[in-house]
Amino acid sequence: MSAVDLIGFVVQDAFWSALAATGFAILFNAPKRTLVGCALGGAIGHATRSLLMQAGVEIELATLFGATVIGLVGVLFAQRWRVPMTIFTISAAVTLVPGGFAYRTMMGIIELSTADPTTSSTVLVATVVNGIKTGLILGAIAAGIAAPRLLFFHERPVV
């Protein structure tokens, strides 16, 4: 992929991710003044994941980095707008949710539940692989969002 194609891809990816994050922020009743931050978090986080995947990084690790960026942006924007960081991180992280893998896992489970003993083991293997990928990606999202706050921005107890 040429540099011009890569830039176009990232801009398009960031635009659609920002739109999705803004939609979820509205759905979750985020304050209007924070919608720009929600959009930026979604755009930057998903673009980070997409760039890393274009560079050959596996989706699980790329999601961890994208979610960490979302967590960092969420902490910084929360301090800036003086609101809870979850306003930014939840709506932005929705863009990283592994919907395709989860769908294929559920369809595989349904297929296995109605299968007879002669069914090929490829359905079982594909279902397990998709389920593991789904779990790892969801874990990466949770760890990535929490990491910046736990490692760098934790508040010391008052007592």
C-alpha atoms as a PDB file:
ATOM      1  CA  MET A   1       0.000   0.000   0.000  1.00  0.00           C
ATOM      2  CA  SER A   2       1.454   3.361  -0.998  1.00  0.00           C
ATOM      3  CA  ALA A   3       1.785   6.251   1.425  1.00  0.00           C
ATOM      4  CA  VAL A   4      -1.057   8.168  -0.240  1.00  0.00           C
ATOM      5  CA  ASP A   5      -3.340   5.119  -0.058  1.00  0.00           C
ATOM      6  CA  LEU A   6      -2.390   4.572   3.589  1.00  0.00           C
ATOM      7  CA  ILE A   7      -3.165   8.192   4.498  1.00  0.00           C
ATOM      8  CA  GLY A   8      -6.503   7.982   2.712  1.00  0.00           C
ATOM      9  CA  PHE A   9      -7.274   4.719   4.487  1.00  0.00           C
ATOM     10  CA  VAL A  10      -6.437   6.185   7.920  1.00  0.00           C
ATOM     11  CA  VAL A  11      -8.456   9.361   7.317  1.00  0.00           C
ATOM     12  CA  GLN A  12     -11.472   7.358   6.173  1.00  0.00           C
ATOM     13  CA  ASP A  13     -11.097   4.925   9.098  1.00  0.00           C
ATOM     14  CA  ALA A  14     -10.801   7.788  11.582  1.00  0.00           C
ATOM     15  CA  PHE A  15     -13.845   9.554  10.133  1.00  0.00           C
ATOM     16  CA  TRP A  16     -16.147   6.529  10.380  1.00  0.00           C
ATOM     17  CA  SER A  17     -14.819   5.628  13.824  1.00  0.00           C
ATOM     18  CA  ALA A  18     -15.412   9.190  15.043  1.00  0.00           C
ATOM     19  CA  LEU A  19     -18.944   9.038  13.701  1.00  0.00           C
ATOM     20  CA  ALA A  20     -19.613   5.724  15.460  1.00  0.00           C
ATOM     21  CA  ALA A  21     -18.128   6.947  18.749  1.00  0.00           C
ATOM     22  CA  THR A  22     -20.206  10.123  18.577  1.00  0.00           C
ATOM     23  CA  GLY A  23     -23.340   8.101  17.935  1.00  0.00           C
ATOM     24  CA  PHE A  24     -22.699   5.925  20.961  1.00  0.00           C
ATOM     25  CA  ALA A  25     -21.851   8.959  23.084  1.00  0.00           C
ATOM     26  CA  ILE A  26     -25.222  10.459  22.165  1.00  0.00           C
ATOM     27  CA  LEU A  27     -26.900   7.123  22.891  1.00  0.00           C
ATOM     28  CA  PHE A  28     -25.233   7.040  26.331  1.00  0.00           C
ATOM     29  CA  ASN A  29     -26.337  10.658  27.032  1.00  0.00           C
ATOM     30  CA  ALA A  30     -22.859  12.154  27.154  1.00  0.00           C
ATOM     31  CA  PRO A  31     -22.885  15.921  27.704  1.00  0.00           C
ATOM     32  CA  LYS A  32     -22.956  17.836  24.419  1.00  0.00           C
ATOM     33  CA  ARG A  33     -19.746  19.674  25.259  1.00  0.00           C
ATOM     34  CA  THR A  34     -17.857  16.350  25.391  1.00  0.00           C
ATOM     35  CA  LEU A  35     -18.976  14.953  22.027  1.00  0.00           C
ATOM     36  CA  VAL A  36     -15.890  16.279  20.248  1.00  0.00           C
ATOM     37  CA  GLY A  37     -13.667  14.463  22.732  1.00  0.00           C
ATOM     38  CA  CYS A  38     -15.656  11.256  22.288  1.00  0.00           C
ATOM     39  CA  ALA A  39     -15.271  11.525  18.514  1.00  0.00           C
ATOM     40  CA  LEU A  40     -11.531  12.180  18.774  1.00  0.00           C
ATOM     41  CA  GLY A  41     -11.036   9.260  21.131  1.00  0.00           C
ATOM     42  CA  GLY A  42     -12.827   6.872  18.800  1.00  0.00           C
ATOM     43  CA  ALA A  43     -11.006   8.183  15.748  1.00  0.00           C
ATOM     44  CA  ILE A  44      -7.533   8.075  17.269  1.00  0.00           C
ATOM     45  CA  GLY A  45      -7.991   4.701  18.979  1.00  0.00           C
ATOM     46  CA  HIS A  46      -9.437   2.868  15.990  1.00  0.00           C
ATOM     47  CA  ALA A  47      -6.986   4.496  13.564  1.00  0.00           C
ATOM     48  CA  THR A  48      -4.137   3.315  15.797  1.00  0.00           C
ATOM     49  CA  ARG A  49      -5.435  -0.248  15.657  1.00  0.00           C
ATOM     50  CA  SER A  50      -5.961  -0.086  11.896  1.00  0.00           C
ATOM     51  CA  LEU A  51      -2.483   1.307  11.269  1.00  0.00           C
ATOM     52  CA  LEU A  52      -0.878  -1.395  13.357  1.00  0.00           C
ATOM     53  CA  MET A  53      -2.875  -4.097  11.593  1.00  0.00           C
ATOM     54  CA  GLN A  54      -1.784  -2.676   8.226  1.00  0.00           C
ATOM     55  CA  ALA A  55       1.789  -2.995   9.495  1.00  0.00           C
ATOM     56  CA  GLY A  56       1.218  -6.709  10.176  1.00  0.00           C
ATOM     57  CA  VAL A  57       0.435  -6.661  13.894  1.00  0.00           C
ATOM     58  CA  GLU A  58      -2.191  -9.197  14.993  1.00  0.00           C
ATOM     59  CA  ILE A  59      -5.623  -7.787  15.863  1.00  0.00           C
ATOM     60  CA  GLU A  60      -5.362  -8.678  19.569  1.00  0.00           C
ATOM     61  CA  LEU A  61      -2.137  -6.734  20.141  1.00  0.00           C
ATOM     62  CA  ALA A  62      -3.239  -3.898  17.853  1.00  0.00           C
ATOM     63  CA  THR A  63      -6.462  -3.632  19.865  1.00  0.00           C
ATOM     64  CA  LEU A  64      -4.472  -3.429  23.091  1.00  0.00           C
ATOM     65  CA  PHE A  65      -2.491  -0.483  21.715  1.00  0.00           C
ATOM     66  CA  GLY A  66      -5.621   1.191  20.317  1.00  0.00           C
ATOM     67  CA  ALA A  67      -7.433   0.789  23.638  1.00  0.00           C
ATOM     68  CA  THR A  68      -4.422   2.136  25.519  1.00  0.00           C
ATOM     69  CA  VAL A  69      -4.516   5.234  23.318  1.00  0.00           C
ATOM     70  CA  ILE A  70      -8.238   5.558  24.055  1.00  0.00           C
ATOM     71  CA  GLY A  71      -7.515   5.229  27.785  1.00  0.00           C
ATOM     72  CA  LEU A  72      -4.811   7.892  27.626  1.00  0.00           C
ATOM     73  CA  VAL A  73      -7.011  10.249  25.614  1.00  0.00           C
ATOM     74  CA  GLY A  74      -9.871   9.559  28.027  1.00  0.00           C
ATOM     75  CA  VAL A  75      -7.785  10.491  31.057  1.00  0.00           C
ATOM     76  CA  LEU A  76      -6.477  13.667  29.433  1.00  0.00           C
ATOM     77  CA  PHE A  77      -9.898  14.760  28.165  1.00  0.00           C
ATOM     78  CA  ALA A  78     -11.491  13.979  31.543  1.00  0.00           C
ATOM     79  CA  GLN A  79      -9.018  16.306  33.220  1.00  0.00           C
ATOM     80  CA  ARG A  80      -9.594  18.955  30.554  1.00  0.00           C
ATOM     81  CA  TRP A  81     -13.413  18.865  30.678  1.00  0.00           C
ATOM     82  CA  ARG A  82     -13.644  17.863  34.353  1.00  0.00           C
ATOM     83  CA  VAL A  83     -15.918  14.885  33.752  1.00  0.00           C
ATOM     84  CA  PRO A  84     -15.464  11.135  34.390  1.00  0.00           C
ATOM     85  CA  MET A  85     -13.126   9.474  31.908  1.00  0.00           C
ATOM     86  CA  THR A  86     -15.724   6.819  31.134  1.00  0.00           C
ATOM     87  CA  ILE A  87     -17.659   9.397  29.121  1.00  0.00           C
ATOM     88  CA  PHE A  88     -14.849   9.324  26.574  1.00  0.00           C
ATOM     89  CA  THR A  89     -13.526   5.795  26.882  1.00  0.00           C
ATOM     90  CA  ILE A  90     -16.755   3.809  26.654  1.00  0.00           C
ATOM     91  CA  SER A  91     -18.063   5.484  23.513  1.00  0.00           C
ATOM     92  CA  ALA A  92     -14.617   5.352  21.890  1.00  0.00           C
ATOM     93  CA  ALA A  93     -14.002   1.713  22.839  1.00  0.00           C
ATOM     94  CA  VAL A  94     -17.224   0.582  21.187  1.00  0.00           C
ATOM     95  CA  THR A  95     -15.430   1.071  17.859  1.00  0.00           C
ATOM     96  CA  LEU A  96     -12.957  -1.667  18.860  1.00  0.00           C
ATOM     97  CA  VAL A  97     -15.542  -4.312  19.807  1.00  0.00           C
ATOM     98  CA  PRO A  98     -14.983  -7.520  17.806  1.00  0.00           C
ATOM     99  CA  GLY A  99     -18.473  -7.847  16.374  1.00  0.00           C
ATOM    100  CA  GLY A 100     -17.488 -10.063  13.446  1.00  0.00           C
ATOM    101  CA  PHE A 101     -15.625 -12.569  15.596  1.00  0.00           C
ATOM    102  CA  ALA A 102     -18.433 -12.670  18.168  1.00  0.00           C
ATOM    103  CA  TYR A 103     -21.024 -13.188  15.426  1.00  0.00           C
ATOM    104  CA  ARG A 104     -19.053 -16.046  13.856  1.00  0.00           C
ATOM    105  CA  THR A 105     -18.603 -17.606  17.302  1.00  0.00           C
ATOM    106  CA  MET A 106     -22.326 -17.536  18.025  1.00  0.00           C
ATOM    107  CA  MET A 107     -23.207 -18.865  14.573  1.00  0.00           C
ATOM    108  CA  GLY A 108     -20.698 -21.687  15.088  1.00  0.00           C
ATOM    109  CA  ILE A 109     -22.211 -22.529  18.475  1.00  0.00           C
ATOM    110  CA  ILE A 110     -25.676 -22.627  16.939  1.00  0.00           C
ATOM    111  CA  GLU A 111     -24.404 -24.837  14.137  1.00  0.00           C
ATOM    112  CA  LEU A 112     -22.716 -27.160  16.633  1.00  0.00           C
ATOM    113  CA  SER A 113     -25.852 -27.377  18.765  1.00  0.00           C
ATOM    114  CA  THR A 114     -27.827 -28.735  15.823  1.00  0.00           C
ATOM    115  CA  ALA A 115     -25.042 -30.878  14.357  1.00  0.00           C
ATOM    116  CA  ASP A 116     -24.965 -34.626  14.184  1.00  0.00           C
ATOM    117  CA  PRO A 117     -21.913 -36.731  15.085  1.00  0.00           C
ATOM    118  CA  THR A 118     -20.747 -36.848  11.473  1.00  0.00           C
ATOM    119  CA  THR A 119     -20.278 -33.066  11.306  1.00  0.00           C
ATOM    120  CA  SER A 120     -16.784 -31.989  10.360  1.00  0.00           C
ATOM    121  CA  SER A 121     -14.443 -30.859  13.118  1.00  0.00           C
ATOM    122  CA  THR A 122     -13.636 -27.709  11.133  1.00  0.00           C
ATOM    123  CA  VAL A 123     -16.815 -26.111  12.482  1.00  0.00           C
ATOM    124  CA  LEU A 124     -15.685 -26.837  16.033  1.00  0.00           C
ATOM    125  CA  VAL A 125     -12.168 -25.541  15.433  1.00  0.00           C
ATOM    126  CA  ALA A 126     -13.404 -22.351  13.724  1.00  0.00           C
ATOM    127  CA  THR A 127     -15.879 -21.719  16.542  1.00  0.00           C
ATOM    128  CA  VAL A 128     -13.236 -22.157  19.238  1.00  0.00           C
ATOM    129  CA  VAL A 129     -10.714 -19.954  17.403  1.00  0.00           C
ATOM    130  CA  ASN A 130     -13.293 -17.188  16.915  1.00  0.00           C
ATOM    131  CA  GLY A 131     -14.352 -17.456  20.559  1.00  0.00           C
ATOM    132  CA  ILE A 132     -10.772 -17.182  21.790  1.00  0.00           C
ATOM    133  CA  LYS A 133     -10.091 -14.194  19.522  1.00  0.00           C
ATOM    134  CA  THR A 134     -13.269 -12.515  20.782  1.00  0.00           C
ATOM    135  CA  GLY A 135     -12.243 -13.034  24.411  1.00  0.00           C
ATOM    136  CA  LEU A 136      -8.691 -11.833  23.851  1.00  0.00           C
ATOM    137  CA  ILE A 137      -9.837  -8.714  22.022  1.00  0.00           C
ATOM    138  CA  LEU A 138     -12.357  -7.880  24.749  1.00  0.00           C
ATOM    139  CA  GLY A 139      -9.658  -8.414  27.373  1.00  0.00           C
ATOM    140  CA  ALA A 140      -7.296  -6.164  25.418  1.00  0.00           C
ATOM    141  CA  ILE A 141      -9.939  -3.433  25.327  1.00  0.00           C
ATOM    142  CA  ALA A 142     -10.455  -3.621  29.100  1.00  0.00           C
ATOM    143  CA  ALA A 143      -6.731  -3.743  29.900  1.00  0.00           C
ATOM    144  CA  GLY A 144      -5.863  -0.990  27.437  1.00  0.00           C
ATOM    145  CA  ILE A 145      -8.463   1.417  28.756  1.00  0.00           C
ATOM    146  CA  ALA A 146      -7.484   0.793  32.382  1.00  0.00           C
ATOM    147  CA  ALA A 147      -3.693   0.846  31.906  1.00  0.00           C
ATOM    148  CA  PRO A 148      -3.057   4.614  31.594  1.00  0.00           C
ATOM    149  CA  ARG A 149      -5.093   5.418  34.668  1.00  0.00           C
ATOM    150  CA  LEU A 150      -3.578   2.618  36.733  1.00  0.00           C
ATOM    151  CA  LEU A 151       0.017   3.197  35.665  1.00  0.00           C
ATOM    152  CA  PHE A 152       0.368   6.938  35.248  1.00  0.00           C
ATOM    153  CA  PHE A 153      -2.625   8.860  36.514  1.00  0.00           C
ATOM    154  CA  HIS A 154      -3.651   7.065  39.675  1.00  0.00           C
ATOM    155  CA  GLU A 155      -4.673   9.275  42.550  1.00  0.00           C
ATOM    156  CA  ARG A 156      -3.138   8.770  45.931  1.00  0.00           C
ATOM    157  CA  PRO A 157      -5.469   8.018  48.809  1.00  0.00           C
ATOM    158  CA  VAL A 158      -6.348  10.920  51.060  1.00  0.00           C
ATOM    159  CA  VAL A 159      -5.741   8.939  54.246  1.00  0.00           C
END
